[in-house]
Full PDB file with SEQRES, HELIX, SHEET, SSBOND, CRYST1, ORIGX, SCALE, CONECT and MASTER records, all heavy atoms in Angstrom:
SEQRES   1 A   31  ASN SER LEU LYS PRO GLU ASP THR GLY VAL TYR TYR CYS          
SEQRES   2 A   31  ASN THR GLN LEU LEU SER VAL ASP PHE TRP GLY GLN GLY          
SEQRES   3 A   31  THR GLN VAL THR VAL                                          
HELIX    1 AA1 PRO A    5  ASP A    7  5                                   3    
SHEET    1 AA1 2 GLY A   9  TYR A  11  0                                        
SHEET    2 AA1 2 THR A  27  VAL A  29 -1                                        
SHEET    1 AA2 2 ASN A  14  LEU A  17  0                                        
SHEET    2 AA2 2 VAL A  20  TRP A  23 -1                                        
CRYST1    1.000    1.000    1.000  90.00  90.00  90.00 P 1           1          
ORIGX1      1.000000  0.000000  0.000000        0.00000                         
ORIGX2      0.000000  1.000000  0.000000        0.00000                         
ORIGX3      0.000000  0.000000  1.000000        0.00000                         
SCALE1      1.000000  0.000000  0.000000        0.00000                         
SCALE2      0.000000  1.000000  0.000000        0.00000                         
SCALE3      0.000000  0.000000  1.000000        0.00000                         
ATOM      1  N   ASN A   1       7.423 -20.902   9.149  1.00  0.00           N  
ATOM      2  CA  ASN A   1       8.491 -19.922   8.959  1.00  0.00           C  
ATOM      3  C   ASN A   1       7.912 -18.639   8.378  1.00  0.00           C  
ATOM      4  O   ASN A   1       6.791 -18.622   7.868  1.00  0.00           O  
ATOM      5  CB  ASN A   1       9.551 -20.483   8.022  1.00  0.00           C  
ATOM      6  CG  ASN A   1      10.217 -21.734   8.552  1.00  0.00           C  
ATOM      7  OD1 ASN A   1      10.386 -21.907   9.763  1.00  0.00           O  
ATOM      8  ND2 ASN A   1      10.612 -22.625   7.655  1.00  0.00           N  
ATOM      9  N   SER A   2       8.706 -17.569   8.457  1.00  0.00           N  
ATOM     10  CA  SER A   2       8.297 -16.269   7.904  1.00  0.00           C  
ATOM     11  C   SER A   2       6.892 -15.899   8.359  1.00  0.00           C  
ATOM     12  O   SER A   2       6.043 -15.509   7.554  1.00  0.00           O  
ATOM     13  CB  SER A   2       8.367 -16.309   6.368  1.00  0.00           C  
ATOM     14  OG  SER A   2       9.670 -16.624   5.932  1.00  0.00           O  
ATOM     15  N   LEU A   3       6.661 -16.020   9.632  1.00  0.00           N  
ATOM     16  CA  LEU A   3       5.316 -15.792  10.168  1.00  0.00           C  
ATOM     17  C   LEU A   3       4.873 -14.355   9.981  1.00  0.00           C  
ATOM     18  O   LEU A   3       5.675 -13.410  10.060  1.00  0.00           O  
ATOM     19  CB  LEU A   3       5.263 -16.192  11.645  1.00  0.00           C  
ATOM     20  CG  LEU A   3       5.171 -17.702  11.871  1.00  0.00           C  
ATOM     21  CD1 LEU A   3       5.583 -18.071  13.291  1.00  0.00           C  
ATOM     22  CD2 LEU A   3       3.768 -18.201  11.579  1.00  0.00           C  
ATOM     23  N   LYS A   4       3.574 -14.203   9.741  1.00  0.00           N  
ATOM     24  CA  LYS A   4       2.954 -12.899   9.526  1.00  0.00           C  
ATOM     25  C   LYS A   4       1.865 -12.673  10.576  1.00  0.00           C  
ATOM     26  O   LYS A   4       1.315 -13.646  11.110  1.00  0.00           O  
ATOM     27  CB  LYS A   4       2.319 -12.862   8.129  1.00  0.00           C  
ATOM     28  CG  LYS A   4       3.266 -13.175   6.991  1.00  0.00           C  
ATOM     29  CD  LYS A   4       2.520 -13.206   5.666  1.00  0.00           C  
ATOM     30  CE  LYS A   4       3.452 -13.531   4.510  1.00  0.00           C  
ATOM     31  NZ  LYS A   4       2.728 -13.563   3.209  1.00  0.00           N  
ATOM     32  N   PRO A   5       1.525 -11.430  10.839  1.00  0.00           N  
ATOM     33  CA  PRO A   5       0.450 -11.176  11.806  1.00  0.00           C  
ATOM     34  C   PRO A   5      -0.846 -11.903  11.459  1.00  0.00           C  
ATOM     35  O   PRO A   5      -1.575 -12.343  12.369  1.00  0.00           O  
ATOM     36  CB  PRO A   5       0.282  -9.656  11.738  1.00  0.00           C  
ATOM     37  CG  PRO A   5       1.634  -9.154  11.372  1.00  0.00           C  
ATOM     38  CD  PRO A   5       2.186 -10.176  10.422  1.00  0.00           C  
ATOM     39  N   GLU A   6      -1.118 -12.073  10.184  1.00  0.00           N  
ATOM     40  CA  GLU A   6      -2.355 -12.756   9.785  1.00  0.00           C  
ATOM     41  C   GLU A   6      -2.311 -14.260  10.044  1.00  0.00           C  
ATOM     42  O   GLU A   6      -3.316 -14.950   9.859  1.00  0.00           O  
ATOM     43  CB  GLU A   6      -2.675 -12.482   8.304  1.00  0.00           C  
ATOM     44  CG  GLU A   6      -1.531 -12.755   7.353  1.00  0.00           C  
ATOM     45  CD  GLU A   6      -0.769 -11.487   6.987  1.00  0.00           C  
ATOM     46  OE1 GLU A   6      -0.477 -10.672   7.901  1.00  0.00           O  
ATOM     47  OE2 GLU A   6      -0.435 -11.326   5.798  1.00  0.00           O  
ATOM     48  N   ASP A   7      -1.183 -14.798  10.484  1.00  0.00           N  
ATOM     49  CA  ASP A   7      -1.113 -16.194  10.892  1.00  0.00           C  
ATOM     50  C   ASP A   7      -1.578 -16.389  12.338  1.00  0.00           C  
ATOM     51  O   ASP A   7      -1.676 -17.529  12.809  1.00  0.00           O  
ATOM     52  CB  ASP A   7       0.320 -16.722  10.765  1.00  0.00           C  
ATOM     53  CG  ASP A   7       0.822 -16.755   9.340  1.00  0.00           C  
ATOM     54  OD1 ASP A   7       0.043 -17.155   8.441  1.00  0.00           O  
ATOM     55  OD2 ASP A   7       1.993 -16.386   9.103  1.00  0.00           O  
ATOM     56  N   THR A   8      -1.869 -15.304  13.014  1.00  0.00           N  
ATOM     57  CA  THR A   8      -2.328 -15.377  14.401  1.00  0.00           C  
ATOM     58  C   THR A   8      -3.625 -16.155  14.517  1.00  0.00           C  
ATOM     59  O   THR A   8      -4.537 -15.980  13.710  1.00  0.00           O  
ATOM     60  CB  THR A   8      -2.513 -13.965  14.972  1.00  0.00           C  
ATOM     61  OG1 THR A   8      -1.231 -13.326  15.057  1.00  0.00           O  
ATOM     62  CG2 THR A   8      -3.155 -13.989  16.352  1.00  0.00           C  
ATOM     63  N   GLY A   9      -3.700 -17.007  15.532  1.00  0.00           N  
ATOM     64  CA  GLY A   9      -4.916 -17.771  15.774  1.00  0.00           C  
ATOM     65  C   GLY A   9      -4.642 -18.969  16.657  1.00  0.00           C  
ATOM     66  O   GLY A   9      -3.497 -19.207  17.065  1.00  0.00           O  
ATOM     67  N   VAL A  10      -5.692 -19.709  16.925  1.00  0.00           N  
ATOM     68  CA  VAL A  10      -5.554 -20.982  17.628  1.00  0.00           C  
ATOM     69  C   VAL A  10      -5.423 -22.077  16.578  1.00  0.00           C  
ATOM     70  O   VAL A  10      -6.240 -22.171  15.660  1.00  0.00           O  
ATOM     71  CB  VAL A  10      -6.755 -21.256  18.548  1.00  0.00           C  
ATOM     72  CG1 VAL A  10      -6.577 -22.586  19.267  1.00  0.00           C  
ATOM     73  CG2 VAL A  10      -6.932 -20.128  19.553  1.00  0.00           C  
ATOM     74  N   TYR A  11      -4.386 -22.869  16.722  1.00  0.00           N  
ATOM     75  CA  TYR A  11      -4.103 -23.937  15.766  1.00  0.00           C  
ATOM     76  C   TYR A  11      -4.534 -25.277  16.360  1.00  0.00           C  
ATOM     77  O   TYR A  11      -4.206 -25.598  17.505  1.00  0.00           O  
ATOM     78  CB  TYR A  11      -2.617 -23.949  15.423  1.00  0.00           C  
ATOM     79  CG  TYR A  11      -2.238 -22.850  14.460  1.00  0.00           C  
ATOM     80  CD1 TYR A  11      -2.255 -21.515  14.846  1.00  0.00           C  
ATOM     81  CD2 TYR A  11      -1.876 -23.138  13.138  1.00  0.00           C  
ATOM     82  CE1 TYR A  11      -1.935 -20.497  13.956  1.00  0.00           C  
ATOM     83  CE2 TYR A  11      -1.547 -22.141  12.245  1.00  0.00           C  
ATOM     84  CZ  TYR A  11      -1.585 -20.817  12.659  1.00  0.00           C  
ATOM     85  OH  TYR A  11      -1.267 -19.808  11.769  1.00  0.00           O  
ATOM     86  N   TYR A  12      -5.256 -26.041  15.536  1.00  0.00           N  
ATOM     87  CA  TYR A  12      -5.799 -27.323  15.955  1.00  0.00           C  
ATOM     88  C   TYR A  12      -5.327 -28.416  15.008  1.00  0.00           C  
ATOM     89  O   TYR A  12      -5.277 -28.212  13.798  1.00  0.00           O  
ATOM     90  CB  TYR A  12      -7.322 -27.314  15.900  1.00  0.00           C  
ATOM     91  CG  TYR A  12      -8.003 -26.283  16.764  1.00  0.00           C  
ATOM     92  CD1 TYR A  12      -8.278 -25.009  16.274  1.00  0.00           C  
ATOM     93  CD2 TYR A  12      -8.408 -26.594  18.061  1.00  0.00           C  
ATOM     94  CE1 TYR A  12      -8.922 -24.060  17.055  1.00  0.00           C  
ATOM     95  CE2 TYR A  12      -9.057 -25.660  18.855  1.00  0.00           C  
ATOM     96  CZ  TYR A  12      -9.314 -24.396  18.344  1.00  0.00           C  
ATOM     97  OH  TYR A  12      -9.954 -23.462  19.127  1.00  0.00           O  
ATOM     98  N   CYS A  13      -5.043 -29.581  15.542  1.00  0.00           N  
ATOM     99  CA  CYS A  13      -4.845 -30.713  14.653  1.00  0.00           C  
ATOM    100  C   CYS A  13      -6.116 -31.540  14.613  1.00  0.00           C  
ATOM    101  O   CYS A  13      -6.975 -31.460  15.506  1.00  0.00           O  
ATOM    102  CB  CYS A  13      -3.625 -31.549  15.010  1.00  0.00           C  
ATOM    103  SG  CYS A  13      -3.695 -32.408  16.561  1.00  0.00           S  
ATOM    104  N   ASN A  14      -6.242 -32.312  13.563  1.00  0.00           N  
ATOM    105  CA  ASN A  14      -7.508 -32.984  13.260  1.00  0.00           C  
ATOM    106  C   ASN A  14      -7.255 -34.314  12.575  1.00  0.00           C  
ATOM    107  O   ASN A  14      -6.317 -34.469  11.790  1.00  0.00           O  
ATOM    108  CB  ASN A  14      -8.344 -32.082  12.351  1.00  0.00           C  
ATOM    109  CG  ASN A  14      -9.509 -32.803  11.699  1.00  0.00           C  
ATOM    110  OD1 ASN A  14      -9.358 -33.381  10.625  1.00  0.00           O  
ATOM    111  ND2 ASN A  14     -10.658 -32.759  12.330  1.00  0.00           N  
ATOM    112  N   THR A  15      -8.127 -35.260  12.869  1.00  0.00           N  
ATOM    113  CA  THR A  15      -8.217 -36.457  12.070  1.00  0.00           C  
ATOM    114  C   THR A  15      -9.667 -36.907  12.061  1.00  0.00           C  
ATOM    115  O   THR A  15     -10.497 -36.399  12.821  1.00  0.00           O  
ATOM    116  CB  THR A  15      -7.288 -37.571  12.588  1.00  0.00           C  
ATOM    117  OG1 THR A  15      -7.184 -38.603  11.606  1.00  0.00           O  
ATOM    118  CG2 THR A  15      -7.809 -38.165  13.899  1.00  0.00           C  
ATOM    119  N   GLN A  16      -9.966 -37.829  11.172  1.00  0.00           N  
ATOM    120  CA  GLN A  16     -11.323 -38.356  11.066  1.00  0.00           C  
ATOM    121  C   GLN A  16     -11.308 -39.858  11.220  1.00  0.00           C  
ATOM    122  O   GLN A  16     -10.439 -40.550  10.676  1.00  0.00           O  
ATOM    123  CB  GLN A  16     -11.944 -37.992   9.716  1.00  0.00           C  
ATOM    124  CG  GLN A  16     -12.335 -36.546   9.576  1.00  0.00           C  
ATOM    125  CD  GLN A  16     -13.134 -36.303   8.300  1.00  0.00           C  
ATOM    126  OE1 GLN A  16     -13.129 -37.106   7.379  1.00  0.00           O  
ATOM    127  NE2 GLN A  16     -13.821 -35.185   8.246  1.00  0.00           N  
ATOM    128  N   LEU A  17     -12.305 -40.362  11.932  1.00  0.00           N  
ATOM    129  CA  LEU A  17     -12.503 -41.793  12.093  1.00  0.00           C  
ATOM    130  C   LEU A  17     -13.975 -42.078  11.834  1.00  0.00           C  
ATOM    131  O   LEU A  17     -14.845 -41.537  12.528  1.00  0.00           O  
ATOM    132  CB  LEU A  17     -12.114 -42.227  13.512  1.00  0.00           C  
ATOM    133  CG  LEU A  17     -12.396 -43.683  13.887  1.00  0.00           C  
ATOM    134  CD1 LEU A  17     -11.610 -44.630  12.996  1.00  0.00           C  
ATOM    135  CD2 LEU A  17     -12.069 -43.939  15.345  1.00  0.00           C  
ATOM    136  N   LEU A  18     -14.222 -42.867  10.802  1.00  0.00           N  
ATOM    137  CA  LEU A  18     -15.611 -43.199  10.422  1.00  0.00           C  
ATOM    138  C   LEU A  18     -16.450 -41.932  10.263  1.00  0.00           C  
ATOM    139  O   LEU A  18     -17.575 -41.829  10.763  1.00  0.00           O  
ATOM    140  CB  LEU A  18     -16.241 -44.127  11.475  1.00  0.00           C  
ATOM    141  CG  LEU A  18     -15.527 -45.467  11.690  1.00  0.00           C  
ATOM    142  CD1 LEU A  18     -16.181 -46.243  12.816  1.00  0.00           C  
ATOM    143  CD2 LEU A  18     -15.512 -46.265  10.401  1.00  0.00           C  
ATOM    144  N   SER A  19     -15.883 -40.944   9.581  1.00  0.00           N  
ATOM    145  CA  SER A  19     -16.546 -39.668   9.262  1.00  0.00           C  
ATOM    146  C   SER A  19     -16.785 -38.788  10.481  1.00  0.00           C  
ATOM    147  O   SER A  19     -17.485 -37.788  10.388  1.00  0.00           O  
ATOM    148  CB  SER A  19     -17.878 -39.905   8.536  1.00  0.00           C  
ATOM    149  OG  SER A  19     -17.660 -40.576   7.328  1.00  0.00           O  
ATOM    150  N   VAL A  20     -16.202 -39.130  11.594  1.00  0.00           N  
ATOM    151  CA  VAL A  20     -16.294 -38.291  12.797  1.00  0.00           C  
ATOM    152  C   VAL A  20     -14.987 -37.531  12.952  1.00  0.00           C  
ATOM    153  O   VAL A  20     -13.908 -38.129  12.919  1.00  0.00           O  
ATOM    154  CB  VAL A  20     -16.560 -39.141  14.048  1.00  0.00           C  
ATOM    155  CG1 VAL A  20     -16.551 -38.269  15.300  1.00  0.00           C  
ATOM    156  CG2 VAL A  20     -17.886 -39.880  13.913  1.00  0.00           C  
ATOM    157  N   ASP A  21     -15.094 -36.210  13.126  1.00  0.00           N  
ATOM    158  CA  ASP A  21     -13.912 -35.373  13.316  1.00  0.00           C  
ATOM    159  C   ASP A  21     -13.447 -35.430  14.772  1.00  0.00           C  
ATOM    160  O   ASP A  21     -14.253 -35.352  15.706  1.00  0.00           O  
ATOM    161  CB  ASP A  21     -14.224 -33.921  12.968  1.00  0.00           C  
ATOM    162  CG  ASP A  21     -14.175 -33.671  11.470  1.00  0.00           C  
ATOM    163  OD1 ASP A  21     -13.144 -33.963  10.856  1.00  0.00           O  
ATOM    164  OD2 ASP A  21     -15.193 -33.185  10.932  1.00  0.00           O  
ATOM    165  N   PHE A  22     -12.143 -35.534  14.931  1.00  0.00           N  
ATOM    166  CA  PHE A  22     -11.530 -35.456  16.251  1.00  0.00           C  
ATOM    167  C   PHE A  22     -10.562 -34.272  16.267  1.00  0.00           C  
ATOM    168  O   PHE A  22      -9.799 -34.077  15.314  1.00  0.00           O  
ATOM    169  CB  PHE A  22     -10.799 -36.752  16.596  1.00  0.00           C  
ATOM    170  CG  PHE A  22     -11.739 -37.897  16.831  1.00  0.00           C  
ATOM    171  CD1 PHE A  22     -12.145 -38.710  15.779  1.00  0.00           C  
ATOM    172  CD2 PHE A  22     -12.232 -38.163  18.099  1.00  0.00           C  
ATOM    173  CE1 PHE A  22     -13.017 -39.758  15.985  1.00  0.00           C  
ATOM    174  CE2 PHE A  22     -13.107 -39.217  18.317  1.00  0.00           C  
ATOM    175  CZ  PHE A  22     -13.504 -40.012  17.254  1.00  0.00           C  
ATOM    176  N   TRP A  23     -10.625 -33.519  17.365  1.00  0.00           N  
ATOM    177  CA  TRP A  23      -9.839 -32.303  17.492  1.00  0.00           C  
ATOM    178  C   TRP A  23      -9.059 -32.309  18.795  1.00  0.00           C  
ATOM    179  O   TRP A  23      -9.514 -32.852  19.806  1.00  0.00           O  
ATOM    180  CB  TRP A  23     -10.758 -31.072  17.498  1.00  0.00           C  
ATOM    181  CG  TRP A  23     -11.620 -30.923  16.298  1.00  0.00           C  
ATOM    182  CD1 TRP A  23     -12.891 -31.375  16.121  1.00  0.00           C  
ATOM    183  CD2 TRP A  23     -11.270 -30.255  15.077  1.00  0.00           C  
ATOM    184  NE1 TRP A  23     -13.359 -31.031  14.875  1.00  0.00           N  
ATOM    185  CE2 TRP A  23     -12.385 -30.345  14.213  1.00  0.00           C  
ATOM    186  CE3 TRP A  23     -10.134 -29.585  14.629  1.00  0.00           C  
ATOM    187  CZ2 TRP A  23     -12.394 -29.801  12.928  1.00  0.00           C  
ATOM    188  CZ3 TRP A  23     -10.141 -29.036  13.355  1.00  0.00           C  
ATOM    189  CH2 TRP A  23     -11.252 -29.144  12.521  1.00  0.00           C  
ATOM    190  N   GLY A  24      -7.939 -31.610  18.776  1.00  0.00           N  
ATOM    191  CA  GLY A  24      -7.251 -31.325  20.015  1.00  0.00           C  
ATOM    192  C   GLY A  24      -7.823 -30.070  20.647  1.00  0.00           C  
ATOM    193  O   GLY A  24      -8.784 -29.474  20.151  1.00  0.00           O  
ATOM    194  N   GLN A  25      -7.188 -29.644  21.737  1.00  0.00           N  
ATOM    195  CA  GLN A  25      -7.671 -28.466  22.476  1.00  0.00           C  
ATOM    196  C   GLN A  25      -7.171 -27.169  21.852  1.00  0.00           C  
ATOM    197  O   GLN A  25      -7.670 -26.088  22.178  1.00  0.00           O  
ATOM    198  CB  GLN A  25      -7.226 -28.541  23.950  1.00  0.00           C  
ATOM    199  CG  GLN A  25      -5.792 -28.073  24.222  1.00  0.00           C  
ATOM    200  CD  GLN A  25      -4.728 -29.022  23.698  1.00  0.00           C  
ATOM    201  OE1 GLN A  25      -5.022 -30.161  23.293  1.00  0.00           O  
ATOM    202  NE2 GLN A  25      -3.479 -28.570  23.716  1.00  0.00           N  
ATOM    203  N   GLY A  26      -6.188 -27.276  20.957  1.00  0.00           N  
ATOM    204  CA  GLY A  26      -5.658 -26.100  20.283  1.00  0.00           C  
ATOM    205  C   GLY A  26      -4.457 -25.504  20.999  1.00  0.00           C  
ATOM    206  O   GLY A  26      -4.262 -25.691  22.202  1.00  0.00           O  
ATOM    207  N   THR A  27      -3.648 -24.797  20.231  1.00  0.00           N  
ATOM    208  CA  THR A  27      -2.494 -24.078  20.787  1.00  0.00           C  
ATOM    209  C   THR A  27      -2.445 -22.687  20.150  1.00  0.00           C  
ATOM    210  O   THR A  27      -2.628 -22.549  18.943  1.00  0.00           O  
ATOM    211  CB  THR A  27      -1.188 -24.871  20.555  1.00  0.00           C  
ATOM    212  OG1 THR A  27      -0.113 -24.233  21.250  1.00  0.00           O  
ATOM    213  CG2 THR A  27      -0.837 -25.022  19.087  1.00  0.00           C  
ATOM    214  N   GLN A  28      -2.241 -21.677  20.978  1.00  0.00           N  
ATOM    215  CA  GLN A  28      -2.327 -20.286  20.525  1.00  0.00           C  
ATOM    216  C   GLN A  28      -1.017 -19.840  19.883  1.00  0.00           C  
ATOM    217  O   GLN A  28       0.059 -19.969  20.475  1.00  0.00           O  
ATOM    218  CB  GLN A  28      -2.643 -19.363  21.709  1.00  0.00           C  
ATOM    219  CG  GLN A  28      -2.670 -17.880  21.365  1.00  0.00           C  
ATOM    220  CD  GLN A  28      -3.854 -17.490  20.498  1.00  0.00           C  
ATOM    221  OE1 GLN A  28      -4.985 -17.903  20.777  1.00  0.00           O  
ATOM    222  NE2 GLN A  28      -3.604 -16.705  19.468  1.00  0.00           N  
ATOM    223  N   VAL A  29      -1.153 -19.294  18.686  1.00  0.00           N  
ATOM    224  CA  VAL A  29      -0.026 -18.669  17.991  1.00  0.00           C  
ATOM    225  C   VAL A  29      -0.352 -17.197  17.812  1.00  0.00           C  
ATOM    226  O   VAL A  29      -1.399 -16.854  17.249  1.00  0.00           O  
ATOM    227  CB  VAL A  29       0.226 -19.325  16.619  1.00  0.00           C  
ATOM    228  CG1 VAL A  29       1.275 -18.545  15.833  1.00  0.00           C  
ATOM    229  CG2 VAL A  29       0.648 -20.776  16.790  1.00  0.00           C  
ATOM    230  N   THR A  30       0.511 -16.337  18.305  1.00  0.00           N  
ATOM    231  CA  THR A  30       0.331 -14.901  18.164  1.00  0.00           C  
ATOM    232  C   THR A  30       1.565 -14.311  17.505  1.00  0.00           C  
ATOM    233  O   THR A  30       2.680 -14.485  18.003  1.00  0.00           O  
ATOM    234  CB  THR A  30       0.096 -14.225  19.521  1.00  0.00           C  
ATOM    235  OG1 THR A  30      -1.037 -14.814  20.160  1.00  0.00           O  
ATOM    236  CG2 THR A  30      -0.143 -12.726  19.344  1.00  0.00           C  
ATOM    237  N   VAL A  31       1.356 -13.659  16.362  1.00  0.00           N  
ATOM    238  CA  VAL A  31       2.450 -13.040  15.630  1.00  0.00           C  
ATOM    239  C   VAL A  31       2.288 -11.531  15.750  1.00  0.00           C  
ATOM    240  O   VAL A  31       1.361 -10.948  15.187  1.00  0.00           O  
ATOM    241  CB  VAL A  31       2.456 -13.469  14.163  1.00  0.00           C  
ATOM    242  CG1 VAL A  31       3.685 -12.895  13.443  1.00  0.00           C  
ATOM    243  CG2 VAL A  31       2.430 -14.983  14.043  1.00  0.00           C  
TER     244      VAL A  31                                                      
MASTER        0    0    0    1    4    0    0    6  243    1    0    3          
END                                                                             
């Protein structure tokens, strides 16, 4: 909420399994 221009970027979700990072492909947010 109350998004600002500085919130612009590609947003990724993340989790770790046995110290290995897993990432999605990302989704673009432009404010």
